[in-house]
Amino acid sequence: MEEIKDAREDTIIEQFKEKYPQMSSAIASSFGEQMMLIAGKMLDYGINNMKAGTNLETEEEVRFALEGIWFRISDKMARWQNLLRSGKSPNYESLYDTFMDIANYAIFAKLISRGLWSGK
């Protein structure tokens, strides 16, 4: 599926950058950080784990893969809730790492739902 760019996008982004330069810079940096994490993990894991054993060729296969991502996000959300409510310090993975994983799973779900998850 090809992305269609709205002519207003550049204007909206430029207005945002002008109005909120510090936040704009932080968001751009965060996107770069997300890309580095995704790239590293995809090189380690490959792309098949998000396909949940399917070829993503039918609506049912896509739905199944999206349910798998939903479970992964659900696990991360439960961890987030537990750490906040318990006041415990994490032993192995920071809360920040949890935020990163949730954001990446959401990106994966977007790509799969749009038919853009492939090895090409």
PDB file of N, CA and C in Angstrom:
ATOM      1  N   MET A   1       0.844  -1.171   0.000  1.00  0.00           N
ATOM      2  CA  MET A   1       0.000   0.000   0.000  1.00  0.00           C
ATOM      3  C   MET A   1       0.896   1.243   0.000  1.00  0.00           C
ATOM      4  N   GLU A   2       0.660   2.124  -0.893  1.00  0.00           N
ATOM      5  CA  GLU A   2       1.479   3.318  -1.037  1.00  0.00           C
ATOM      6  C   GLU A   2       0.952   4.437  -0.144  1.00  0.00           C
ATOM      7  N   GLU A   3       1.863   5.133   0.500  1.00  0.00           N
ATOM      8  CA  GLU A   3       1.500   6.271   1.334  1.00  0.00           C
ATOM      9  C   GLU A   3       1.179   7.470   0.464  1.00  0.00           C
ATOM     10  N   ILE A   4       0.138   8.176   0.791  1.00  0.00           N
ATOM     11  CA  ILE A   4      -0.219   9.409   0.093  1.00  0.00           C
ATOM     12  C   ILE A   4       0.085  10.565   1.029  1.00  0.00           C
ATOM     13  N   LYS A   5       0.936  11.472   0.592  1.00  0.00           N
ATOM     14  CA  LYS A   5       1.346  12.586   1.429  1.00  0.00           C
ATOM     15  C   LYS A   5       0.424  13.777   1.204  1.00  0.00           C
ATOM     16  N   ASP A   6      -0.109  14.264   2.276  1.00  0.00           N
ATOM     17  CA  ASP A   6      -0.973  15.441   2.245  1.00  0.00           C
ATOM     18  C   ASP A   6      -0.078  16.676   2.121  1.00  0.00           C
ATOM     19  N   ALA A   7      -0.436  17.590   1.255  1.00  0.00           N
ATOM     20  CA  ALA A   7       0.362  18.806   1.038  1.00  0.00           C
ATOM     21  C   ALA A   7       0.483  19.633   2.310  1.00  0.00           C
ATOM     22  N   ARG A   8      -0.469  19.478   3.214  1.00  0.00           N
ATOM     23  CA  ARG A   8      -0.432  20.250   4.469  1.00  0.00           C
ATOM     24  C   ARG A   8       0.591  19.727   5.459  1.00  0.00           C
ATOM     25  N   GLU A   9       1.069  18.500   5.278  1.00  0.00           N
ATOM     26  CA  GLU A   9       1.957  17.892   6.262  1.00  0.00           C
ATOM     27  C   GLU A   9       3.199  18.736   6.521  1.00  0.00           C
ATOM     28  N   ASP A  10       3.871  19.169   5.470  1.00  0.00           N
ATOM     29  CA  ASP A  10       5.083  19.967   5.652  1.00  0.00           C
ATOM     30  C   ASP A  10       4.770  21.251   6.413  1.00  0.00           C
ATOM     31  N   THR A  11       3.669  21.885   6.081  1.00  0.00           N
ATOM     32  CA  THR A  11       3.279  23.123   6.756  1.00  0.00           C
ATOM     33  C   THR A  11       2.987  22.870   8.224  1.00  0.00           C
ATOM     34  N   ILE A  12       2.253  21.808   8.511  1.00  0.00           N
ATOM     35  CA  ILE A  12       1.913  21.481   9.895  1.00  0.00           C
ATOM     36  C   ILE A  12       3.177  21.196  10.694  1.00  0.00           C
ATOM     37  N   ILE A  13       4.074  20.422  10.129  1.00  0.00           N
ATOM     38  CA  ILE A  13       5.316  20.089  10.827  1.00  0.00           C
ATOM     39  C   ILE A  13       6.153  21.340  11.050  1.00  0.00           C
ATOM     40  N   GLU A  14       6.271  22.178  10.062  1.00  0.00           N
ATOM     41  CA  GLU A  14       7.045  23.414  10.220  1.00  0.00           C
ATOM     42  C   GLU A  14       6.432  24.327  11.294  1.00  0.00           C
ATOM     43  N   GLN A  15       5.118  24.435  11.300  1.00  0.00           N
ATOM     44  CA  GLN A  15       4.446  25.248  12.327  1.00  0.00           C
ATOM     45  C   GLN A  15       4.710  24.677  13.716  1.00  0.00           C
ATOM     46  N   PHE A  16       4.657  23.360  13.829  1.00  0.00           N
ATOM     47  CA  PHE A  16       4.926  22.715  15.114  1.00  0.00           C
ATOM     48  C   PHE A  16       6.362  22.978  15.563  1.00  0.00           C
ATOM     49  N   LYS A  17       7.310  22.853  14.620  1.00  0.00           N
ATOM     50  CA  LYS A  17       8.716  23.096  14.943  1.00  0.00           C
ATOM     51  C   LYS A  17       8.943  24.526  15.413  1.00  0.00           C
ATOM     52  N   GLU A  18       8.275  25.473  14.772  1.00  0.00           N
ATOM     53  CA  GLU A  18       8.417  26.878  15.155  1.00  0.00           C
ATOM     54  C   GLU A  18       7.798  27.156  16.524  1.00  0.00           C
ATOM     55  N   LYS A  19       6.638  26.577  16.770  1.00  0.00           N
ATOM     56  CA  LYS A  19       5.924  26.846  18.016  1.00  0.00           C
ATOM     57  C   LYS A  19       6.533  26.092  19.200  1.00  0.00           C
ATOM     58  N   TYR A  20       7.019  24.870  18.952  1.00  0.00           N
ATOM     59  CA  TYR A  20       7.557  24.025  20.017  1.00  0.00           C
ATOM     60  C   TYR A  20       8.916  23.452  19.622  1.00  0.00           C
ATOM     61  N   PRO A  21       9.940  24.293  19.505  1.00  0.00           N
ATOM     62  CA  PRO A  21      11.233  23.805  18.994  1.00  0.00           C
ATOM     63  C   PRO A  21      11.875  22.739  19.878  1.00  0.00           C
ATOM     64  N   GLN A  22      11.813  22.898  21.184  1.00  0.00           N
ATOM     65  CA  GLN A  22      12.457  21.921  22.064  1.00  0.00           C
ATOM     66  C   GLN A  22      11.741  20.573  21.996  1.00  0.00           C
ATOM     67  N   MET A  23      10.422  20.588  22.033  1.00  0.00           N
ATOM     68  CA  MET A  23       9.669  19.343  21.959  1.00  0.00           C
ATOM     69  C   MET A  23       9.831  18.703  20.581  1.00  0.00           C
ATOM     70  N   SER A  24       9.841  19.514  19.546  1.00  0.00           N
ATOM     71  CA  SER A  24      10.028  19.005  18.194  1.00  0.00           C
ATOM     72  C   SER A  24      11.355  18.272  18.073  1.00  0.00           C
ATOM     73  N   SER A  25      12.383  18.846  18.617  1.00  0.00           N
ATOM     74  CA  SER A  25      13.702  18.225  18.593  1.00  0.00           C
ATOM     75  C   SER A  25      13.715  16.928  19.395  1.00  0.00           C
ATOM     76  N   ALA A  26      13.056  16.931  20.547  1.00  0.00           N
ATOM     77  CA  ALA A  26      13.002  15.737  21.392  1.00  0.00           C
ATOM     78  C   ALA A  26      12.235  14.610  20.706  1.00  0.00           C
ATOM     79  N   ILE A  27      11.153  14.954  20.020  1.00  0.00           N
ATOM     80  CA  ILE A  27      10.378  13.946  19.303  1.00  0.00           C
ATOM     81  C   ILE A  27      11.194  13.361  18.156  1.00  0.00           C
ATOM     82  N   ALA A  28      11.873  14.206  17.397  1.00  0.00           N
ATOM     83  CA  ALA A  28      12.710  13.726  16.294  1.00  0.00           C
ATOM     84  C   ALA A  28      13.800  12.796  16.823  1.00  0.00           C
ATOM     85  N   SER A  29      14.399  13.159  17.942  1.00  0.00           N
ATOM     86  CA  SER A  29      15.419  12.322  18.558  1.00  0.00           C
ATOM     87  C   SER A  29      14.833  10.983  19.004  1.00  0.00           C
ATOM     88  N   SER A  30      13.625  11.034  19.572  1.00  0.00           N
ATOM     89  CA  SER A  30      12.956   9.815  20.013  1.00  0.00           C
ATOM     90  C   SER A  30      12.662   8.890  18.840  1.00  0.00           C
ATOM     91  N   PHE A  31      12.230   9.461  17.707  1.00  0.00           N
ATOM     92  CA  PHE A  31      11.984   8.640  16.521  1.00  0.00           C
ATOM     93  C   PHE A  31      13.271   7.949  16.067  1.00  0.00           C
ATOM     94  N   GLY A  32      14.381   8.670  16.111  1.00  0.00           N
ATOM     95  CA  GLY A  32      15.663   8.075  15.746  1.00  0.00           C
ATOM     96  C   GLY A  32      16.042   6.948  16.689  1.00  0.00           C
ATOM     97  N   GLU A  33      15.797   7.146  17.967  1.00  0.00           N
ATOM     98  CA  GLU A  33      16.076   6.120  18.967  1.00  0.00           C
ATOM     99  C   GLU A  33      15.203   4.876  18.726  1.00  0.00           C
ATOM    100  N   GLN A  34      13.930   5.105  18.379  1.00  0.00           N
ATOM    101  CA  GLN A  34      13.032   3.991  18.077  1.00  0.00           C
ATOM    102  C   GLN A  34      13.553   3.213  16.875  1.00  0.00           C
ATOM    103  N   MET A  35      13.984   3.929  15.838  1.00  0.00           N
ATOM    104  CA  MET A  35      14.482   3.278  14.627  1.00  0.00           C
ATOM    105  C   MET A  35      15.711   2.426  14.931  1.00  0.00           C
ATOM    106  N   MET A  36      16.610   2.935  15.755  1.00  0.00           N
ATOM    107  CA  MET A  36      17.809   2.162  16.119  1.00  0.00           C
ATOM    108  C   MET A  36      17.422   0.875  16.843  1.00  0.00           C
ATOM    109  N   LEU A  37      16.478   0.961  17.765  1.00  0.00           N
ATOM    110  CA  LEU A  37      16.048  -0.222  18.503  1.00  0.00           C
ATOM    111  C   LEU A  37      15.361  -1.214  17.571  1.00  0.00           C
ATOM    112  N   ILE A  38      14.474  -0.716  16.717  1.00  0.00           N
ATOM    113  CA  ILE A  38      13.795  -1.594  15.759  1.00  0.00           C
ATOM    114  C   ILE A  38      14.820  -2.271  14.850  1.00  0.00           C
ATOM    115  N   ALA A  39      15.746  -1.498  14.299  1.00  0.00           N
ATOM    116  CA  ALA A  39      16.743  -2.055  13.378  1.00  0.00           C
ATOM    117  C   ALA A  39      17.566  -3.147  14.060  1.00  0.00           C
ATOM    118  N   GLY A  40      18.027  -2.869  15.265  1.00  0.00           N
ATOM    119  CA  GLY A  40      18.829  -3.857  15.988  1.00  0.00           C
ATOM    120  C   GLY A  40      18.062  -5.123  16.280  1.00  0.00           C
ATOM    121  N   LYS A  41      16.827  -4.967  16.734  1.00  0.00           N
ATOM    122  CA  LYS A  41      16.023  -6.152  17.062  1.00  0.00           C
ATOM    123  C   LYS A  41      15.625  -6.928  15.810  1.00  0.00           C
ATOM    124  N   MET A  42      15.301  -6.221  14.726  1.00  0.00           N
ATOM    125  CA  MET A  42      14.939  -6.920  13.492  1.00  0.00           C
ATOM    126  C   MET A  42      16.132  -7.691  12.944  1.00  0.00           C
ATOM    127  N   LEU A  43      17.346  -7.129  13.075  1.00  0.00           N
ATOM    128  CA  LEU A  43      18.534  -7.859  12.637  1.00  0.00           C
ATOM    129  C   LEU A  43      18.770  -9.094  13.497  1.00  0.00           C
ATOM    130  N   ASP A  44      18.421  -9.030  14.784  1.00  0.00           N
ATOM    131  CA  ASP A  44      18.557 -10.176  15.681  1.00  0.00           C
ATOM    132  C   ASP A  44      17.438 -11.199  15.484  1.00  0.00           C
ATOM    133  N   TYR A  45      16.193 -10.731  15.459  1.00  0.00           N
ATOM    134  CA  TYR A  45      15.028 -11.619  15.441  1.00  0.00           C
ATOM    135  C   TYR A  45      14.536 -11.966  14.044  1.00  0.00           C
ATOM    136  N   GLY A  46      14.774 -11.106  13.077  1.00  0.00           N
ATOM    137  CA  GLY A  46      14.142 -11.254  11.773  1.00  0.00           C
ATOM    138  C   GLY A  46      12.735 -10.689  11.835  1.00  0.00           C
ATOM    139  N   ILE A  47      11.965 -10.907  10.783  1.00  0.00           N
ATOM    140  CA  ILE A  47      10.615 -10.334  10.755  1.00  0.00           C
ATOM    141  C   ILE A  47       9.522 -11.369  10.992  1.00  0.00           C
ATOM    142  N   ASN A  48       9.876 -12.634  11.036  1.00  0.00           N
ATOM    143  CA  ASN A  48       8.854 -13.666  11.133  1.00  0.00           C
ATOM    144  C   ASN A  48       8.160 -13.727  12.483  1.00  0.00           C
ATOM    145  N   ASN A  49       8.813 -13.282  13.553  1.00  0.00           N
ATOM    146  CA  ASN A  49       8.177 -13.391  14.862  1.00  0.00           C
ATOM    147  C   ASN A  49       6.904 -12.546  14.945  1.00  0.00           C
ATOM    148  N   MET A  50       6.855 -11.417  14.294  1.00  0.00           N
ATOM    149  CA  MET A  50       5.653 -10.582  14.339  1.00  0.00           C
ATOM    150  C   MET A  50       4.552 -11.128  13.437  1.00  0.00           C
ATOM    151  N   LYS A  51       4.908 -12.004  12.508  1.00  0.00           N
ATOM    152  CA  LYS A  51       3.917 -12.609  11.621  1.00  0.00           C
ATOM    153  C   LYS A  51       3.183 -13.762  12.299  1.00  0.00           C
ATOM    154  N   ALA A  52       3.643 -14.154  13.468  1.00  0.00           N
ATOM    155  CA  ALA A  52       2.993 -15.181  14.294  1.00  0.00           C
ATOM    156  C   ALA A  52       2.761 -16.480  13.518  1.00  0.00           C
ATOM    157  N   GLY A  53       3.756 -16.886  12.735  1.00  0.00           N
ATOM    158  CA  GLY A  53       3.665 -18.134  12.004  1.00  0.00           C
ATOM    159  C   GLY A  53       2.772 -18.103  10.774  1.00  0.00           C
ATOM    160  N   THR A  54       2.384 -16.916  10.352  1.00  0.00           N
ATOM    161  CA  THR A  54       1.522 -16.789   9.179  1.00  0.00           C
ATOM    162  C   THR A  54       2.299 -16.133   8.042  1.00  0.00           C
ATOM    163  N   ASN A  55       1.645 -16.019   6.905  1.00  0.00           N
ATOM    164  CA  ASN A  55       2.226 -15.296   5.775  1.00  0.00           C
ATOM    165  C   ASN A  55       1.592 -13.929   5.594  1.00  0.00           C
ATOM    166  N   LEU A  56       0.669 -13.573   6.477  1.00  0.00           N
ATOM    167  CA  LEU A  56      -0.054 -12.295   6.418  1.00  0.00           C
ATOM    168  C   LEU A  56      -0.747 -12.105   5.073  1.00  0.00           C
ATOM    169  N   GLU A  57      -1.278 -13.203   4.539  1.00  0.00           N
ATOM    170  CA  GLU A  57      -1.914 -13.144   3.224  1.00  0.00           C
ATOM    171  C   GLU A  57      -3.429 -12.976   3.288  1.00  0.00           C
ATOM    172  N   THR A  58      -4.031 -13.300   4.410  1.00  0.00           N
ATOM    173  CA  THR A  58      -5.484 -13.193   4.538  1.00  0.00           C
ATOM    174  C   THR A  58      -5.824 -12.274   5.710  1.00  0.00           C
ATOM    175  N   GLU A  59      -7.064 -11.836   5.742  1.00  0.00           N
ATOM    176  CA  GLU A  59      -7.511 -11.001   6.861  1.00  0.00           C
ATOM    177  C   GLU A  59      -7.376 -11.747   8.178  1.00  0.00           C
ATOM    178  N   GLU A  60      -7.636 -13.042   8.166  1.00  0.00           N
ATOM    179  CA  GLU A  60      -7.530 -13.840   9.385  1.00  0.00           C
ATOM    180  C   GLU A  60      -6.081 -13.902   9.876  1.00  0.00           C
ATOM    181  N   GLU A  61      -5.139 -14.055   8.948  1.00  0.00           N
ATOM    182  CA  GLU A  61      -3.728 -14.092   9.330  1.00  0.00           C
ATOM    183  C   GLU A  61      -3.273 -12.749   9.888  1.00  0.00           C
ATOM    184  N   VAL A  62      -3.713 -11.683   9.276  1.00  0.00           N
ATOM    185  CA  VAL A  62      -3.361 -10.347   9.769  1.00  0.00           C
ATOM    186  C   VAL A  62      -3.953 -10.147  11.159  1.00  0.00           C
ATOM    187  N   ARG A  63      -5.212 -10.523  11.330  1.00  0.00           N
ATOM    188  CA  ARG A  63      -5.856 -10.370  12.641  1.00  0.00           C
ATOM    189  C   ARG A  63      -5.123 -11.190  13.705  1.00  0.00           C
ATOM    190  N   PHE A  64      -4.718 -12.405  13.359  1.00  0.00           N
ATOM    191  CA  PHE A  64      -3.993 -13.259  14.289  1.00  0.00           C
ATOM    192  C   PHE A  64      -2.667 -12.618  14.707  1.00  0.00           C
ATOM    193  N   ALA A  65      -1.946 -12.073  13.727  1.00  0.00           N
ATOM    194  CA  ALA A  65      -0.676 -11.397  14.030  1.00  0.00           C
ATOM    195  C   ALA A  65      -0.915 -10.168  14.907  1.00  0.00           C
ATOM    196  N   LEU A  66      -1.963  -9.412  14.605  1.00  0.00           N
ATOM    197  CA  LEU A  66      -2.280  -8.233  15.415  1.00  0.00           C
ATOM    198  C   LEU A  66      -2.675  -8.623  16.832  1.00  0.00           C
ATOM    199  N   GLU A  67      -3.356  -9.756  16.991  1.00  0.00           N
ATOM    200  CA  GLU A  67      -3.678 -10.235  18.336  1.00  0.00           C
ATOM    201  C   GLU A  67      -2.404 -10.583  19.101  1.00  0.00           C
ATOM    202  N   GLY A  68      -1.429 -11.162  18.402  1.00  0.00           N
ATOM    203  CA  GLY A  68      -0.151 -11.471  19.041  1.00  0.00           C
ATOM    204  C   GLY A  68       0.537 -10.208  19.539  1.00  0.00           C
ATOM    205  N   ILE A  69       0.492  -9.172  18.733  1.00  0.00           N
ATOM    206  CA  ILE A  69       1.088  -7.893  19.144  1.00  0.00           C
ATOM    207  C   ILE A  69       0.297  -7.307  20.307  1.00  0.00           C
ATOM    208  N   TRP A  70      -1.021  -7.442  20.256  1.00  0.00           N
ATOM    209  CA  TRP A  70      -1.859  -6.958  21.372  1.00  0.00           C
ATOM    210  C   TRP A  70      -1.444  -7.642  22.673  1.00  0.00           C
ATOM    211  N   PHE A  71      -1.188  -8.960  22.641  1.00  0.00           N
ATOM    212  CA  PHE A  71      -0.752  -9.659  23.847  1.00  0.00           C
ATOM    213  C   PHE A  71       0.596  -9.142  24.331  1.00  0.00           C
ATOM    214  N   ARG A  72       1.501  -8.886  23.410  1.00  0.00           N
ATOM    215  CA  ARG A  72       2.812  -8.355  23.799  1.00  0.00           C
ATOM    216  C   ARG A  72       2.662  -6.989  24.475  1.00  0.00           C
ATOM    217  N   ILE A  73       1.835  -6.135  23.883  1.00  0.00           N
ATOM    218  CA  ILE A  73       1.598  -4.813  24.477  1.00  0.00           C
ATOM    219  C   ILE A  73       0.923  -4.959  25.833  1.00  0.00           C
ATOM    220  N   SER A  74      -0.024  -5.888  25.934  1.00  0.00           N
ATOM    221  CA  SER A  74      -0.724  -6.125  27.193  1.00  0.00           C
ATOM    222  C   SER A  74       0.261  -6.530  28.295  1.00  0.00           C
ATOM    223  N   ASP A  75       1.221  -7.387  27.965  1.00  0.00           N
ATOM    224  CA  ASP A  75       2.246  -7.776  28.937  1.00  0.00           C
ATOM    225  C   ASP A  75       3.061  -6.564  29.386  1.00  0.00           C
ATOM    226  N   LYS A  76       3.437  -5.724  28.431  1.00  0.00           N
ATOM    227  CA  LYS A  76       4.215  -4.524  28.761  1.00  0.00           C
ATOM    228  C   LYS A  76       3.404  -3.557  29.623  1.00  0.00           C
ATOM    229  N   MET A  77       2.109  -3.422  29.311  1.00  0.00           N
ATOM    230  CA  MET A  77       1.248  -2.527  30.091  1.00  0.00           C
ATOM    231  C   MET A  77       1.098  -3.044  31.522  1.00  0.00           C
ATOM    232  N   ALA A  78       0.969  -4.359  31.684  1.00  0.00           N
ATOM    233  CA  ALA A  78       0.863  -4.945  33.021  1.00  0.00           C
ATOM    234  C   ALA A  78       2.151  -4.698  33.811  1.00  0.00           C
ATOM    235  N   ARG A  79       3.282  -4.816  33.144  1.00  0.00           N
ATOM    236  CA  ARG A  79       4.576  -4.548  33.792  1.00  0.00           C
ATOM    237  C   ARG A  79       4.653  -3.087  34.228  1.00  0.00           C
ATOM    238  N   TRP A  80       4.264  -2.186  33.337  1.00  0.00           N
ATOM    239  CA  TRP A  80       4.261  -0.750  33.615  1.00  0.00           C
ATOM    240  C   TRP A  80       3.391  -0.469  34.841  1.00  0.00           C
ATOM    241  N   GLN A  81       2.192  -1.008  34.831  1.00  0.00           N
ATOM    242  CA  GLN A  81       1.271  -0.795  35.952  1.00  0.00           C
ATOM    243  C   GLN A  81       1.853  -1.343  37.249  1.00  0.00           C
ATOM    244  N   ASN A  82       2.410  -2.534  37.206  1.00  0.00           N
ATOM    245  CA  ASN A  82       2.979  -3.144  38.407  1.00  0.00           C
ATOM    246  C   ASN A  82       4.115  -2.306  38.978  1.00  0.00           C
ATOM    247  N   LEU A  83       4.995  -1.840  38.109  1.00  0.00           N
ATOM    248  CA  LEU A  83       6.123  -1.036  38.593  1.00  0.00           C
ATOM    249  C   LEU A  83       5.652   0.278  39.209  1.00  0.00           C
ATOM    250  N   LEU A  84       4.687   0.930  38.592  1.00  0.00           N
ATOM    251  CA  LEU A  84       4.189   2.198  39.143  1.00  0.00           C
ATOM    252  C   LEU A  84       3.455   1.998  40.457  1.00  0.00           C
ATOM    253  N   ARG A  85       2.594   0.999  40.500  1.00  0.00           N
ATOM    254  CA  ARG A  85       1.781   0.786  41.701  1.00  0.00           C
ATOM    255  C   ARG A  85       2.576   0.209  42.861  1.00  0.00           C
ATOM    256  N   SER A  86       3.563  -0.610  42.566  1.00  0.00           N
ATOM    257  CA  SER A  86       4.348  -1.235  43.631  1.00  0.00           C
ATOM    258  C   SER A  86       5.459  -0.325  44.136  1.00  0.00           C
ATOM    259  N   GLY A  87       5.874   0.615  43.295  1.00  0.00           N
ATOM    260  CA  GLY A  87       6.986   1.478  43.661  1.00  0.00           C
ATOM    261  C   GLY A  87       8.338   0.776  43.592  1.00  0.00           C
ATOM    262  N   LYS A  88       8.353  -0.434  43.066  1.00  0.00           N
ATOM    263  CA  LYS A  88       9.597  -1.199  42.956  1.00  0.00           C
ATOM    264  C   LYS A  88      10.478  -0.638  41.849  1.00  0.00           C
ATOM    265  N   SER A  89      11.768  -0.832  42.031  1.00  0.00           N
ATOM    266  CA  SER A  89      12.715  -0.525  40.963  1.00  0.00           C
ATOM    267  C   SER A  89      12.892  -1.782  40.131  1.00  0.00           C
ATOM    268  N   PRO A  90      12.856  -1.656  38.817  1.00  0.00           N
ATOM    269  CA  PRO A  90      13.009  -2.851  37.985  1.00  0.00           C
ATOM    270  C   PRO A  90      14.414  -3.420  38.083  1.00  0.00           C
ATOM    271  N   ASN A  91      14.509  -4.733  37.956  1.00  0.00           N
ATOM    272  CA  ASN A  91      15.800  -5.414  38.036  1.00  0.00           C
ATOM    273  C   ASN A  91      16.486  -5.551  36.683  1.00  0.00           C
ATOM    274  N   TYR A  92      15.720  -5.707  35.632  1.00  0.00           N
ATOM    275  CA  TYR A  92      16.318  -6.085  34.356  1.00  0.00           C
ATOM    276  C   TYR A  92      16.040  -5.114  33.215  1.00  0.00           C
ATOM    277  N   GLU A  93      14.916  -4.475  33.240  1.00  0.00           N
ATOM    278  CA  GLU A  93      14.500  -3.634  32.123  1.00  0.00           C
ATOM    279  C   GLU A  93      13.879  -2.369  32.706  1.00  0.00           C
ATOM    280  N   SER A  94      14.360  -1.226  32.291  1.00  0.00           N
ATOM    281  CA  SER A  94      13.838   0.024  32.842  1.00  0.00           C
ATOM    282  C   SER A  94      12.425   0.294  32.348  1.00  0.00           C
ATOM    283  N   LEU A  95      11.733   1.170  33.035  1.00  0.00           N
ATOM    284  CA  LEU A  95      10.410   1.590  32.599  1.00  0.00           C
ATOM    285  C   LEU A  95      10.516   2.268  31.224  1.00  0.00           C
ATOM    286  N   TYR A  96      11.600   2.988  31.012  1.00  0.00           N
ATOM    287  CA  TYR A  96      11.854   3.613  29.711  1.00  0.00           C
ATOM    288  C   TYR A  96      11.919   2.562  28.607  1.00  0.00           C
ATOM    289  N   ASP A  97      12.576   1.429  28.878  1.00  0.00           N
ATOM    290  CA  ASP A  97      12.632   0.334  27.906  1.00  0.00           C
ATOM    291  C   ASP A  97      11.233  -0.179  27.590  1.00  0.00           C
ATOM    292  N   THR A  98      10.383  -0.223  28.598  1.00  0.00           N
ATOM    293  CA  THR A  98       8.999  -0.656  28.398  1.00  0.00           C
ATOM    294  C   THR A  98       8.272   0.305  27.469  1.00  0.00           C
ATOM    295  N   PHE A  99       8.461   1.605  27.678  1.00  0.00           N
ATOM    296  CA  PHE A  99       7.843   2.606  26.791  1.00  0.00           C
ATOM    297  C   PHE A  99       8.305   2.399  25.351  1.00  0.00           C
ATOM    298  N   MET A 100       9.594   2.157  25.194  1.00  0.00           N
ATOM    299  CA  MET A 100      10.152   1.947  23.850  1.00  0.00           C
ATOM    300  C   MET A 100       9.514   0.725  23.184  1.00  0.00           C
ATOM    301  N   ASP A 101       9.396  -0.361  23.933  1.00  0.00           N
ATOM    302  CA  ASP A 101       8.820  -1.576  23.370  1.00  0.00           C
ATOM    303  C   ASP A 101       7.364  -1.373  22.961  1.00  0.00           C
ATOM    304  N   ILE A 102       6.588  -0.703  23.809  1.00  0.00           N
ATOM    305  CA  ILE A 102       5.183  -0.451  23.485  1.00  0.00           C
ATOM    306  C   ILE A 102       5.076   0.374  22.202  1.00  0.00           C
ATOM    307  N   ALA A 103       5.889   1.415  22.094  1.00  0.00           N
ATOM    308  CA  ALA A 103       5.873   2.256  20.887  1.00  0.00           C
ATOM    309  C   ALA A 103       6.238   1.433  19.652  1.00  0.00           C
ATOM    310  N   ASN A 104       7.236   0.573  19.774  1.00  0.00           N
ATOM    311  CA  ASN A 104       7.646  -0.232  18.629  1.00  0.00           C
ATOM    312  C   ASN A 104       6.574  -1.239  18.234  1.00  0.00           C
ATOM    313  N   TYR A 105       5.951  -1.877  19.211  1.00  0.00           N
ATOM    314  CA  TYR A 105       4.867  -2.806  18.880  1.00  0.00           C
ATOM    315  C   TYR A 105       3.738  -2.082  18.155  1.00  0.00           C
ATOM    316  N   ALA A 106       3.449  -0.859  18.558  1.00  0.00           N
ATOM    317  CA  ALA A 106       2.407  -0.078  17.873  1.00  0.00           C
ATOM    318  C   ALA A 106       2.816   0.192  16.422  1.00  0.00           C
ATOM    319  N   ILE A 107       4.078   0.490  16.202  1.00  0.00           N
ATOM    320  CA  ILE A 107       4.575   0.701  14.832  1.00  0.00           C
ATOM    321  C   ILE A 107       4.440  -0.585  14.021  1.00  0.00           C
ATOM    322  N   PHE A 108       4.807  -1.716  14.625  1.00  0.00           N
ATOM    323  CA  PHE A 108       4.688  -2.994  13.925  1.00  0.00           C
ATOM    324  C   PHE A 108       3.232  -3.263  13.548  1.00  0.00           C
ATOM    325  N   ALA A 109       2.320  -2.992  14.470  1.00  0.00           N
ATOM    326  CA  ALA A 109       0.893  -3.208  14.200  1.00  0.00           C
ATOM    327  C   ALA A 109       0.427  -2.324  13.041  1.00  0.00           C
ATOM    328  N   LYS A 110       0.878  -1.070  13.020  1.00  0.00           N
ATOM    329  CA  LYS A 110       0.522  -0.184  11.910  1.00  0.00           C
ATOM    330  C   LYS A 110       1.004  -0.766  10.584  1.00  0.00           C
ATOM    331  N   LEU A 111       2.242  -1.214  10.538  1.00  0.00           N
ATOM    332  CA  LEU A 111       2.801  -1.747   9.293  1.00  0.00           C
ATOM    333  C   LEU A 111       2.069  -3.011   8.848  1.00  0.00           C
ATOM    334  N   ILE A 112       1.812  -3.913   9.793  1.00  0.00           N
ATOM    335  CA  ILE A 112       1.108  -5.145   9.446  1.00  0.00           C
ATOM    336  C   ILE A 112      -0.301  -4.840   8.957  1.00  0.00           C
ATOM    337  N   SER A 113      -1.000  -3.937   9.640  1.00  0.00           N
ATOM    338  CA  SER A 113      -2.374  -3.633   9.251  1.00  0.00           C
ATOM    339  C   SER A 113      -2.458  -2.955   7.881  1.00  0.00           C
ATOM    340  N   ARG A 114      -1.377  -2.322   7.455  1.00  0.00           N
ATOM    341  CA  ARG A 114      -1.350  -1.653   6.152  1.00  0.00           C
ATOM    342  C   ARG A 114      -0.726  -2.522   5.062  1.00  0.00           C
ATOM    343  N   GLY A 115      -0.369  -3.750   5.401  1.00  0.00           N
ATOM    344  CA  GLY A 115       0.226  -4.644   4.411  1.00  0.00           C
ATOM    345  C   GLY A 115       1.658  -4.299   4.072  1.00  0.00           C
ATOM    346  N   LEU A 116       2.364  -3.642   4.989  1.00  0.00           N
ATOM    347  CA  LEU A 116       3.732  -3.187   4.725  1.00  0.00           C
ATOM    348  C   LEU A 116       4.802  -4.006   5.454  1.00  0.00           C
ATOM    349  N   TRP A 117       4.415  -5.118   6.065  1.00  0.00           N
ATOM    350  CA  TRP A 117       5.385  -5.931   6.804  1.00  0.00           C
ATOM    351  C   TRP A 117       5.923  -6.994   5.861  1.00  0.00           C
ATOM    352  N   SER A 118       7.098  -6.754   5.338  1.00  0.00           N
ATOM    353  CA  SER A 118       7.694  -7.738   4.418  1.00  0.00           C
ATOM    354  C   SER A 118       9.208  -7.643   4.472  1.00  0.00           C
ATOM    355  N   GLY A 119       9.840  -8.615   3.892  1.00  0.00           N
ATOM    356  CA  GLY A 119      11.297  -8.650   3.875  1.00  0.00           C
ATOM    357  C   GLY A 119      11.897  -7.941   2.682  1.00  0.00           C
ATOM    358  N   LYS A 120      11.102  -7.155   2.009  1.00  0.00           N
ATOM    359  CA  LYS A 120      11.592  -6.460   0.808  1.00  0.00           C
ATOM    360  C   LYS A 120      12.138  -5.096   1.139  1.00  0.00           C
TER     361      LYS A 120
END
